[in-house]
Amino acid sequence: MTGTEIAAGATASERLMVHAALAEPSPDERSQLAKLAHEITNWAEVFELAKVNATVPLVQRRLESEDLYGLVPELVRAHFAGVTDHIAAVNDRRLAGALELLRRFDERGVRCVVLKGMLFSTEIYHDPRYKRMNDLDILVELDQVDTVIEIYRELGLFATSELLGKAPKVRAERSHHLPSFVSRDGALVVGTHWGLITPLAPYTIDYAAIWNRVRRIDFYGVPAWAMSHEDNLHHLGIHLPYYKTGVRELADIWNLARYATGLDYDLLAGEIAKAGSENLMYHALSLADRLVPVPEFAALVGWIAPKVNRFTRYDTARKTADIHALLRSRSTHTSRIEKAYTEFNMTAVAAEKRGSFARLWSDLLLVPGAEARKMSSLRDPSALSDLGARIAAPYRLTRVFQRDLGRWLFPAALAKTVFDLGAAYGSEMASRAGIGTSAAERPGIDEYAAQLGLTRDDLQAVLDSQE
């Protein structure tokens, strides 16, 4: 292979892990995978790489399909199986719930577009267990949202906003989705979207054009809908979390491009220009192309580069400079902050609010060294570089949340936590003085769980299922 080889400059373990994430490898790529598998002397390292990149099922199933899994030592195979089997069990329950839901949508005339992993599991990977599915993401038309909520109620799903005492409703001027709806057993979590990105962000998505291009699909025997390949690729790029950029996320980008051989890149370029999403697409396509080169990606990146801001160009170059760091940079730290914020809002009890408030602000301002190094793409840093990464981490996180939530909403949400914590303590002091609602009457997390027929552990399991 030439300079466009897969994972150029990587070690045998790193290249094997990337090769194993190809949904439909060519004969030459299969030969390369076999050669690499016979070169591996440390299979524990391969497993750890796959775990960091959240691709354990992909790697295991590819090795099995190529009759290479027998090369893996028994103890390491046990580690692979532990992760793969757990993901399979969770995904099977999620898929069963999704199929029943999609049947109801079809019966009621709701055009339900299946997004991302659930769609790719049937079209590209032909495996509903290829990766952990956090939820079923769907896109529906705005005027059908009320019907969608009715169907959720018929199936006994509850909205996570109800943990905050708020009924789910459309706020199209502020958001592009409903709160997640969850089945009582936690098996099914649904993300309901009428848009692909928050309207508070500076992007203009042509939804009329997207709906004109949707296509009918067979989703595991149930009628459903999908966006065009061009719109799916655009969605992957604008939705890619800035620091959760492991092979799990990037593989969908390159595998979609390899699967959709007739993909119209001129159409995609036009949609990017209309949306003003050059920064997001430059970042996503550059990272994917660094691991699995796609000639059309390089051409598109070159075309949109003049409209990309300096920070994105610099940061993307830094991320792609060292493949060792790139393959170990996947971070879910932003999810921890989001969970702490959710838990903070789930309770009116001052002591519970204090605990989640402390976790939220600590995770934002005192980022653990390992996570800060991932965000700065550092490999074996000096003490000074390590300190610099930790100092820069809060700024980096703030940029990400402002990108995803809008420039002003994130600081406003942080300021509100300070106000709400003070209000909770003020209310508690007043109740002790015999004024207002007693502390026992103010709902905490346990009370919210009980109202939904769940335990606190059930609620925590739902939160933990969201990476």
Protein backbone atom coordinates (compact mmCIF):
# COMPACT_ATOMS: atom_id res chain seq x y z
CA MET A 1 0.00 0.00 0.00
CA THR A 2 1.08 3.60 -0.59
CA GLY A 3 0.80 6.84 1.33
CA THR A 4 -2.96 6.38 1.46
CA GLU A 5 -2.75 3.17 3.44
CA ILE A 6 -5.12 2.68 6.34
CA ALA A 7 -3.83 4.09 9.64
CA ALA A 8 -0.50 5.03 8.06
CA GLY A 9 2.27 5.29 10.64
CA ALA A 10 0.43 3.24 13.26
CA THR A 11 1.68 0.14 15.06
CA ALA A 12 0.48 -3.34 14.13
CA SER A 13 -2.01 -3.36 17.03
CA GLU A 14 -3.36 0.05 16.07
CA ARG A 15 -3.67 -0.82 12.39
CA LEU A 16 -5.39 -4.10 13.17
CA MET A 17 -7.95 -2.34 15.35
CA VAL A 18 -8.73 0.13 12.54
CA HIS A 19 -8.83 -2.57 9.85
CA ALA A 20 -11.25 -4.56 12.00
CA ALA A 21 -13.62 -1.57 11.99
CA LEU A 22 -14.12 -1.74 8.20
CA ALA A 23 -17.67 -2.88 7.54
CA GLU A 24 -16.89 -4.30 4.09
CA PRO A 25 -13.13 -4.74 3.69
CA SER A 26 -11.71 -5.34 0.24
CA PRO A 27 -9.76 -8.54 -0.52
CA ASP A 28 -6.51 -6.62 -0.08
CA GLU A 29 -7.70 -5.18 3.25
CA ARG A 30 -8.68 -8.65 4.44
CA SER A 31 -5.21 -9.87 3.50
CA GLN A 32 -3.67 -6.98 5.43
CA LEU A 33 -5.81 -7.81 8.46
CA ALA A 34 -4.68 -11.45 8.40
CA LYS A 35 -1.05 -10.38 8.09
CA LEU A 36 -1.39 -7.99 11.02
CA ALA A 37 -3.15 -10.58 13.17
CA HIS A 38 -0.23 -12.97 12.76
CA GLU A 39 2.20 -10.21 13.73
CA ILE A 40 0.46 -9.36 17.02
CA THR A 41 2.35 -10.43 20.12
CA ASN A 42 0.32 -8.47 22.66
CA TRP A 43 -3.38 -9.14 22.20
CA ALA A 44 -4.15 -7.52 25.54
CA GLU A 45 -3.04 -4.23 23.97
CA VAL A 46 -5.44 -4.79 21.06
CA PHE A 47 -8.30 -5.35 23.51
CA GLU A 48 -7.44 -2.21 25.48
CA LEU A 49 -7.31 -0.18 22.27
CA ALA A 50 -10.66 -1.55 21.20
CA LYS A 51 -12.11 -0.75 24.63
CA VAL A 52 -10.80 2.83 24.54
CA ASN A 53 -12.30 3.26 21.07
CA ALA A 54 -15.56 1.46 22.02
CA THR A 55 -15.17 -1.03 19.15
CA VAL A 56 -14.83 -4.32 21.04
CA PRO A 57 -17.79 -6.01 19.26
CA LEU A 58 -16.59 -4.79 15.85
CA VAL A 59 -13.08 -6.14 16.38
CA GLN A 60 -14.24 -9.47 17.76
CA ARG A 61 -16.78 -10.10 15.01
CA ARG A 62 -14.35 -9.16 12.25
CA LEU A 63 -11.69 -11.48 13.64
CA GLU A 64 -14.28 -14.25 13.91
CA SER A 65 -15.51 -13.74 10.34
CA GLU A 66 -11.93 -13.91 9.03
CA ASP A 67 -11.13 -17.06 11.06
CA LEU A 68 -8.49 -15.12 13.02
CA TYR A 69 -10.10 -15.12 16.46
CA GLY A 70 -8.31 -18.32 17.38
CA LEU A 71 -5.05 -16.35 17.46
CA VAL A 72 -6.32 -14.42 20.46
CA PRO A 73 -5.26 -15.95 23.81
CA GLU A 74 -8.08 -17.48 25.83
CA LEU A 75 -7.88 -14.94 28.65
CA VAL A 76 -8.12 -12.02 26.21
CA ARG A 77 -11.01 -13.73 24.42
CA ALA A 78 -12.81 -13.84 27.76
CA HIS A 79 -12.36 -10.06 28.07
CA PHE A 80 -13.68 -9.54 24.54
CA ALA A 81 -16.67 -11.79 25.18
CA GLY A 82 -17.55 -10.05 28.45
CA VAL A 83 -17.96 -6.72 26.67
CA THR A 84 -19.46 -8.06 23.45
CA ASP A 85 -22.04 -10.26 25.15
CA HIS A 86 -23.20 -7.45 27.45
CA ILE A 87 -23.63 -5.04 24.54
CA ALA A 88 -25.50 -7.71 22.57
CA ALA A 89 -27.96 -8.30 25.41
CA VAL A 90 -28.65 -4.57 25.87
CA ASN A 91 -28.95 -3.94 22.13
CA ASP A 92 -31.32 -6.87 21.63
CA ARG A 93 -33.72 -5.44 24.22
CA ARG A 94 -33.39 -1.97 22.71
CA LEU A 95 -34.05 -3.26 19.20
CA ALA A 96 -37.14 -5.21 20.29
CA GLY A 97 -38.60 -2.06 21.83
CA ALA A 98 -37.65 -0.01 18.78
CA LEU A 99 -39.43 -2.38 16.40
CA GLU A 100 -42.68 -2.19 18.34
CA LEU A 101 -42.42 1.60 18.44
CA LEU A 102 -41.73 1.88 14.70
CA ARG A 103 -44.70 -0.40 13.96
CA ARG A 104 -46.95 1.98 15.90
CA PHE A 105 -45.55 4.97 14.02
CA ASP A 106 -46.17 3.30 10.66
CA GLU A 107 -49.72 2.36 11.63
CA ARG A 108 -50.45 5.96 12.63
CA GLY A 109 -48.92 7.45 9.49
CA VAL A 110 -45.89 9.00 11.19
CA ARG A 111 -42.91 9.30 8.86
CA CYS A 112 -40.18 8.20 11.27
CA VAL A 113 -36.60 8.59 10.04
CA VAL A 114 -34.13 6.29 11.81
CA LEU A 115 -30.83 8.05 12.47
CA LYS A 116 -27.19 7.04 12.90
CA GLY A 117 -26.22 3.76 14.55
CA MET A 118 -29.58 2.02 14.46
CA LEU A 119 -29.89 2.78 10.73
CA PHE A 120 -26.30 1.80 9.95
CA SER A 121 -26.67 -1.45 11.86
CA THR A 122 -29.06 -2.71 9.20
CA GLU A 123 -27.79 -0.94 6.07
CA ILE A 124 -24.01 -0.94 6.47
CA TYR A 125 -22.92 -3.38 9.18
CA HIS A 126 -25.77 -5.92 8.95
CA ASP A 127 -25.39 -6.40 12.68
CA PRO A 128 -27.61 -4.78 15.36
CA ARG A 129 -24.88 -5.55 17.91
CA TYR A 130 -21.94 -3.87 16.18
CA LYS A 131 -21.61 -1.21 18.88
CA ARG A 132 -23.31 -0.06 22.03
CA MET A 133 -26.55 1.72 21.12
CA ASN A 134 -27.20 4.42 23.70
CA ASP A 135 -30.65 5.07 22.28
CA LEU A 136 -32.90 5.01 19.24
CA ASP A 137 -32.50 8.39 17.53
CA ILE A 138 -35.32 9.39 15.21
CA LEU A 139 -36.28 12.41 13.12
CA VAL A 140 -39.97 13.30 12.74
CA GLU A 141 -41.85 16.21 11.23
CA LEU A 142 -42.71 18.95 13.68
CA ASP A 143 -46.46 18.71 13.11
CA GLN A 144 -46.39 15.01 14.07
CA VAL A 145 -44.71 15.44 17.46
CA ASP A 146 -48.01 15.40 19.38
CA THR A 147 -48.91 12.07 17.77
CA VAL A 148 -45.45 10.76 18.59
CA ILE A 149 -45.91 11.66 22.27
CA GLU A 150 -49.33 9.95 22.30
CA ILE A 151 -47.71 6.76 21.03
CA TYR A 152 -45.01 6.98 23.70
CA ARG A 153 -47.73 7.24 26.33
CA GLU A 154 -49.58 4.24 24.88
CA LEU A 155 -46.39 2.20 25.24
CA GLY A 156 -45.80 3.38 28.81
CA LEU A 157 -42.69 5.46 28.13
CA PHE A 158 -41.91 8.45 30.35
CA ALA A 159 -39.97 11.63 29.54
CA THR A 160 -36.78 12.36 31.44
CA SER A 161 -38.00 15.94 31.84
CA GLU A 162 -40.68 14.54 34.14
CA LEU A 163 -37.89 13.84 36.60
CA LEU A 164 -37.62 17.62 36.78
CA GLY A 165 -41.36 18.05 37.17
CA LYS A 166 -41.72 19.33 33.58
CA ALA A 167 -44.05 17.92 30.94
CA PRO A 168 -42.38 17.30 27.57
CA LYS A 169 -43.29 19.85 24.94
CA VAL A 170 -41.99 21.36 21.74
CA ARG A 171 -39.78 24.41 22.07
CA ALA A 172 -38.79 24.74 18.43
CA GLU A 173 -37.23 28.16 18.91
CA ARG A 174 -34.85 26.85 21.59
CA SER A 175 -34.30 23.18 20.85
CA HIS A 176 -34.29 20.58 18.10
CA HIS A 177 -35.54 17.65 20.17
CA LEU A 178 -37.80 16.43 22.95
CA PRO A 179 -36.36 15.16 26.22
CA SER A 180 -35.50 11.47 26.00
CA PHE A 181 -38.38 9.05 26.44
CA VAL A 182 -37.60 5.88 28.38
CA SER A 183 -39.42 2.59 28.92
CA ARG A 184 -40.09 1.64 32.52
CA ASP A 185 -37.53 -1.17 32.37
CA GLY A 186 -34.93 1.13 30.81
CA ALA A 187 -34.60 -1.15 27.78
CA LEU A 188 -35.67 1.50 25.28
CA VAL A 189 -34.43 5.09 25.23
CA VAL A 190 -35.68 7.28 22.38
CA GLY A 191 -34.23 10.57 21.19
CA THR A 192 -36.96 12.41 19.26
CA HIS A 193 -35.74 15.12 16.89
CA TRP A 194 -37.40 17.53 14.50
CA GLY A 195 -34.00 19.05 13.78
CA LEU A 196 -30.42 17.86 13.54
CA ILE A 197 -28.78 20.61 15.61
CA THR A 198 -29.91 23.26 18.09
CA PRO A 199 -31.49 26.36 16.49
CA LEU A 200 -29.40 28.42 18.90
CA ALA A 201 -26.24 27.38 17.06
CA PRO A 202 -25.16 29.43 14.02
CA TYR A 203 -26.10 26.82 11.42
CA THR A 204 -28.97 26.83 8.94
CA ILE A 205 -30.09 23.33 7.97
CA ASP A 206 -32.42 23.00 4.97
CA TYR A 207 -34.97 20.64 6.48
CA ALA A 208 -37.39 20.94 3.57
CA ALA A 209 -34.68 19.60 1.27
CA ILE A 210 -33.86 16.79 3.72
CA TRP A 211 -37.52 15.68 3.85
CA ASN A 212 -37.71 15.80 0.05
CA ARG A 213 -34.82 13.34 -0.09
CA VAL A 214 -35.94 10.83 2.58
CA ARG A 215 -36.38 7.24 1.39
CA ARG A 216 -38.47 4.27 2.48
CA ILE A 217 -36.53 1.43 4.14
CA ASP A 218 -37.11 -1.97 5.66
CA PHE A 219 -35.88 -1.79 9.25
CA TYR A 220 -35.56 -5.39 10.40
CA GLY A 221 -38.92 -6.20 8.83
CA VAL A 222 -40.69 -3.00 9.91
CA PRO A 223 -41.37 -0.10 7.49
CA ALA A 224 -39.44 3.06 8.34
CA TRP A 225 -37.63 5.96 6.68
CA ALA A 226 -34.04 7.11 6.26
CA MET A 227 -32.33 10.30 5.12
CA SER A 228 -30.32 10.30 1.92
CA HIS A 229 -26.71 9.18 2.20
CA GLU A 230 -25.57 12.77 1.70
CA ASP A 231 -27.75 14.01 4.56
CA ASN A 232 -26.63 11.14 6.80
CA LEU A 233 -22.98 12.00 6.20
CA HIS A 234 -23.68 15.68 6.88
CA HIS A 235 -25.48 14.71 10.08
CA LEU A 236 -22.55 12.56 11.25
CA GLY A 237 -20.20 15.48 10.75
CA ILE A 238 -22.26 18.14 12.50
CA HIS A 239 -23.22 15.77 15.31
CA LEU A 240 -19.71 14.38 16.01
CA PRO A 241 -18.85 15.16 19.66
CA TYR A 242 -15.71 17.26 19.71
CA TYR A 243 -13.77 15.03 22.12
CA LYS A 244 -15.63 11.73 21.80
CA THR A 245 -13.78 10.95 18.58
CA GLY A 246 -12.78 7.32 18.78
CA VAL A 247 -13.03 4.70 16.07
CA ARG A 248 -16.59 3.98 17.26
CA GLU A 249 -17.66 7.40 15.98
CA LEU A 250 -15.29 7.81 13.04
CA ALA A 251 -15.94 4.34 11.62
CA ASP A 252 -19.54 5.28 10.83
CA ILE A 253 -18.25 8.21 8.75
CA TRP A 254 -15.84 6.25 6.59
CA ASN A 255 -18.02 3.15 6.38
CA LEU A 256 -20.97 5.22 5.17
CA ALA A 257 -18.81 6.79 2.48
CA ARG A 258 -17.48 3.39 1.38
CA TYR A 259 -20.98 1.87 1.38
CA ALA A 260 -22.70 4.72 -0.49
CA THR A 261 -20.65 4.46 -3.67
CA GLY A 262 -22.95 6.83 -5.55
CA LEU A 263 -22.84 9.53 -2.88
CA ASP A 264 -23.16 12.99 -4.47
CA TYR A 265 -20.35 15.07 -2.96
CA ASP A 266 -21.37 18.14 -4.94
CA LEU A 267 -24.79 17.97 -3.28
CA LEU A 268 -23.13 17.50 0.12
CA ALA A 269 -20.83 20.47 -0.50
CA GLY A 270 -23.85 22.59 -1.35
CA GLU A 271 -25.64 21.57 1.87
CA ILE A 272 -22.53 22.37 3.90
CA ALA A 273 -22.34 25.82 2.30
CA LYS A 274 -26.06 26.48 2.94
CA ALA A 275 -25.76 25.34 6.56
CA GLY A 276 -22.48 27.14 7.26
CA SER A 277 -21.18 23.90 8.82
CA GLU A 278 -17.67 24.06 7.35
CA ASN A 279 -15.91 24.01 10.74
CA LEU A 280 -17.80 20.91 11.91
CA MET A 281 -17.34 18.99 8.66
CA TYR A 282 -13.67 19.94 8.31
CA HIS A 283 -13.00 18.53 11.78
CA ALA A 284 -15.00 15.31 11.29
CA LEU A 285 -13.83 14.44 7.79
CA SER A 286 -10.19 15.23 8.58
CA LEU A 287 -10.16 12.86 11.57
CA ALA A 288 -11.89 10.06 9.66
CA ASP A 289 -9.63 10.51 6.65
CA ARG A 290 -6.52 10.33 8.83
CA LEU A 291 -7.39 6.76 9.82
CA VAL A 292 -9.11 5.45 6.67
CA PRO A 293 -8.35 7.65 3.65
CA VAL A 294 -11.29 8.41 1.37
CA PRO A 295 -10.21 10.48 -1.67
CA GLU A 296 -13.50 12.38 -1.73
CA PHE A 297 -12.99 13.41 1.91
CA ALA A 298 -9.63 14.99 1.13
CA ALA A 299 -11.12 16.86 -1.83
CA LEU A 300 -14.07 18.12 0.21
CA VAL A 301 -11.84 19.18 3.10
CA GLY A 302 -9.69 21.14 0.67
CA TRP A 303 -12.75 22.81 -0.81
CA ILE A 304 -14.21 23.98 2.52
CA ALA A 305 -10.86 24.84 4.17
CA PRO A 306 -10.90 28.56 3.21
CA LYS A 307 -14.09 29.01 5.25
CA VAL A 308 -12.77 27.19 8.34
CA ASN A 309 -11.70 29.30 11.30
CA ARG A 310 -8.15 29.33 12.60
CA PHE A 311 -8.89 27.49 15.84
CA THR A 312 -10.53 24.56 14.02
CA ARG A 313 -7.69 24.28 11.51
CA TYR A 314 -5.07 24.39 14.25
CA ASP A 315 -6.88 22.01 16.59
CA THR A 316 -7.65 19.51 13.84
CA ALA A 317 -4.02 19.52 12.70
CA ARG A 318 -2.96 18.90 16.29
CA LYS A 319 -5.39 16.01 16.65
CA THR A 320 -4.31 14.31 13.42
CA ALA A 321 -0.56 14.85 13.83
CA ASP A 322 0.03 11.84 16.09
CA ILE A 323 -1.99 8.74 15.30
CA HIS A 324 -0.98 7.17 18.63
CA ALA A 325 -2.64 10.06 20.49
CA LEU A 326 -5.64 10.15 18.13
CA LEU A 327 -6.42 6.49 18.78
CA ARG A 328 -6.32 7.10 22.53
CA SER A 329 -8.10 10.46 22.65
CA ARG A 330 -11.73 9.36 22.96
CA SER A 331 -13.21 11.14 25.98
CA THR A 332 -16.69 10.98 27.50
CA HIS A 333 -15.92 13.65 30.08
CA THR A 334 -18.57 16.01 28.70
CA SER A 335 -21.17 13.30 29.39
CA ARG A 336 -20.20 13.27 33.06
CA ILE A 337 -20.84 17.00 33.25
CA GLU A 338 -24.19 16.60 31.51
CA LYS A 339 -25.22 13.81 33.92
CA ALA A 340 -24.30 15.92 36.94
CA TYR A 341 -26.39 18.78 35.55
CA THR A 342 -29.35 16.43 35.01
CA GLU A 343 -29.08 15.05 38.54
CA PHE A 344 -28.84 18.59 39.91
CA ASN A 345 -32.17 19.44 38.29
CA MET A 346 -33.81 16.16 39.31
CA THR A 347 -34.09 17.12 42.96
CA ALA A 348 -35.29 19.97 45.16
CA VAL A 349 -33.44 18.63 48.23
CA ALA A 350 -30.56 20.95 49.12
CA ALA A 351 -28.13 18.21 50.16
CA GLU A 352 -28.70 16.30 46.91
CA LYS A 353 -28.32 19.47 44.89
CA ARG A 354 -25.05 20.26 46.68
CA GLY A 355 -23.55 16.90 45.74
CA SER A 356 -24.40 17.13 42.05
CA PHE A 357 -23.45 20.85 42.00
CA ALA A 358 -20.02 19.96 43.35
CA ARG A 359 -19.56 17.19 40.75
CA LEU A 360 -20.66 19.45 37.91
CA TRP A 361 -18.32 22.33 38.75
CA SER A 362 -15.46 20.05 39.72
CA ASP A 363 -15.69 18.16 36.41
CA LEU A 364 -15.78 21.46 34.54
CA LEU A 365 -12.99 23.31 36.35
CA LEU A 366 -10.77 20.52 37.77
CA VAL A 367 -10.54 18.15 34.82
CA PRO A 368 -8.61 14.94 35.63
CA GLY A 369 -5.16 14.85 34.09
CA ALA A 370 -5.89 11.86 31.85
CA GLU A 371 -8.93 13.59 30.33
CA ALA A 372 -7.10 16.89 29.92
CA ARG A 373 -4.27 15.13 28.09
CA LYS A 374 -6.81 13.58 25.69
CA MET A 375 -8.33 16.98 24.99
CA SER A 376 -4.91 18.42 24.19
CA SER A 377 -3.78 15.32 22.23
CA LEU A 378 -0.68 14.94 24.38
CA ARG A 379 1.57 11.88 24.27
CA ASP A 380 4.09 11.45 27.09
CA PRO A 381 3.87 15.15 28.03
CA SER A 382 6.31 17.03 30.19
CA ALA A 383 5.15 18.25 33.58
CA LEU A 384 4.74 21.75 32.12
CA SER A 385 2.70 20.52 29.13
CA ASP A 386 0.56 18.42 31.43
CA LEU A 387 -0.14 21.44 33.64
CA GLY A 388 -0.95 23.52 30.57
CA ALA A 389 -3.46 20.91 29.39
CA ARG A 390 -5.27 20.96 32.74
CA ILE A 391 -5.37 24.76 32.77
CA ALA A 392 -6.71 24.83 29.20
CA ALA A 393 -9.31 22.08 29.75
CA PRO A 394 -12.09 24.31 31.21
CA TYR A 395 -11.74 26.67 28.26
CA ARG A 396 -11.88 23.76 25.83
CA LEU A 397 -14.98 22.33 27.50
CA THR A 398 -16.69 25.71 27.51
CA ARG A 399 -16.09 26.07 23.76
CA VAL A 400 -17.62 22.64 23.15
CA PHE A 401 -20.75 23.31 25.20
CA GLN A 402 -21.20 26.73 23.59
CA ARG A 403 -20.84 25.12 20.18
CA ASP A 404 -23.49 22.50 21.02
CA LEU A 405 -25.90 24.63 23.07
CA GLY A 406 -25.42 28.11 21.70
CA ARG A 407 -23.15 30.92 22.83
CA TRP A 408 -25.27 32.20 25.70
CA LEU A 409 -27.30 29.23 26.88
CA PHE A 410 -24.39 27.39 28.48
CA PRO A 411 -23.21 30.27 30.72
CA ALA A 412 -26.84 31.00 31.56
CA ALA A 413 -27.36 27.37 32.60
CA LEU A 414 -24.27 27.50 34.82
CA ALA A 415 -25.40 30.72 36.44
CA LYS A 416 -28.79 29.16 37.09
CA THR A 417 -27.20 26.30 39.06
CA VAL A 418 -25.73 28.83 41.50
CA PHE A 419 -29.10 30.56 41.88
CA ASP A 420 -31.00 27.27 42.26
CA LEU A 421 -28.60 25.95 44.89
CA GLY A 422 -29.01 29.12 46.91
CA ALA A 423 -32.79 28.92 46.54
CA ALA A 424 -32.81 25.29 47.70
CA TYR A 425 -30.88 26.16 50.86
CA GLY A 426 -33.05 29.22 51.45
CA SER A 427 -36.16 27.07 51.17
CA GLU A 428 -34.71 24.50 53.55
CA MET A 429 -33.87 27.14 56.15
CA ALA A 430 -37.36 28.63 55.82
CA SER A 431 -38.99 25.23 56.31
CA ARG A 432 -36.91 24.64 59.45
CA ALA A 433 -38.24 27.91 60.73
CA GLY A 434 -41.78 26.71 59.99
CA ILE A 435 -42.23 28.87 56.92
CA GLY A 436 -43.37 27.37 53.61
CA THR A 437 -43.10 23.77 52.41
CA SER A 438 -41.41 21.29 54.73
CA ALA A 439 -38.20 19.63 53.61
CA ALA A 440 -39.92 16.26 53.72
CA GLU A 441 -42.53 17.46 51.20
CA ARG A 442 -40.04 18.73 48.65
CA PRO A 443 -39.31 16.00 46.13
CA GLY A 444 -35.90 14.43 45.93
CA ILE A 445 -34.58 11.86 43.50
CA ASP A 446 -36.15 8.95 45.40
CA GLU A 447 -39.56 10.64 45.33
CA TYR A 448 -39.37 11.35 41.61
CA ALA A 449 -38.42 7.74 40.99
CA ALA A 450 -41.34 6.49 43.08
CA GLN A 451 -43.78 8.69 41.15
CA LEU A 452 -42.68 6.92 37.98
CA GLY A 453 -42.86 3.47 39.53
CA LEU A 454 -39.07 3.14 39.58
CA THR A 455 -36.30 2.93 42.13
CA ARG A 456 -33.39 5.31 42.43
CA ASP A 457 -31.14 2.57 41.03
CA ASP A 458 -33.46 2.28 38.01
CA LEU A 459 -33.07 5.99 37.33
CA GLN A 460 -29.33 5.84 37.77
CA ALA A 461 -29.15 2.94 35.32
CA VAL A 462 -30.98 5.06 32.74
CA LEU A 463 -28.55 7.92 33.24
CA ASP A 464 -25.54 5.61 33.12
CA SER A 465 -26.77 4.05 29.87
CA GLN A 466 -26.22 7.39 28.16
CA GLU A 467 -22.57 7.79 27.29
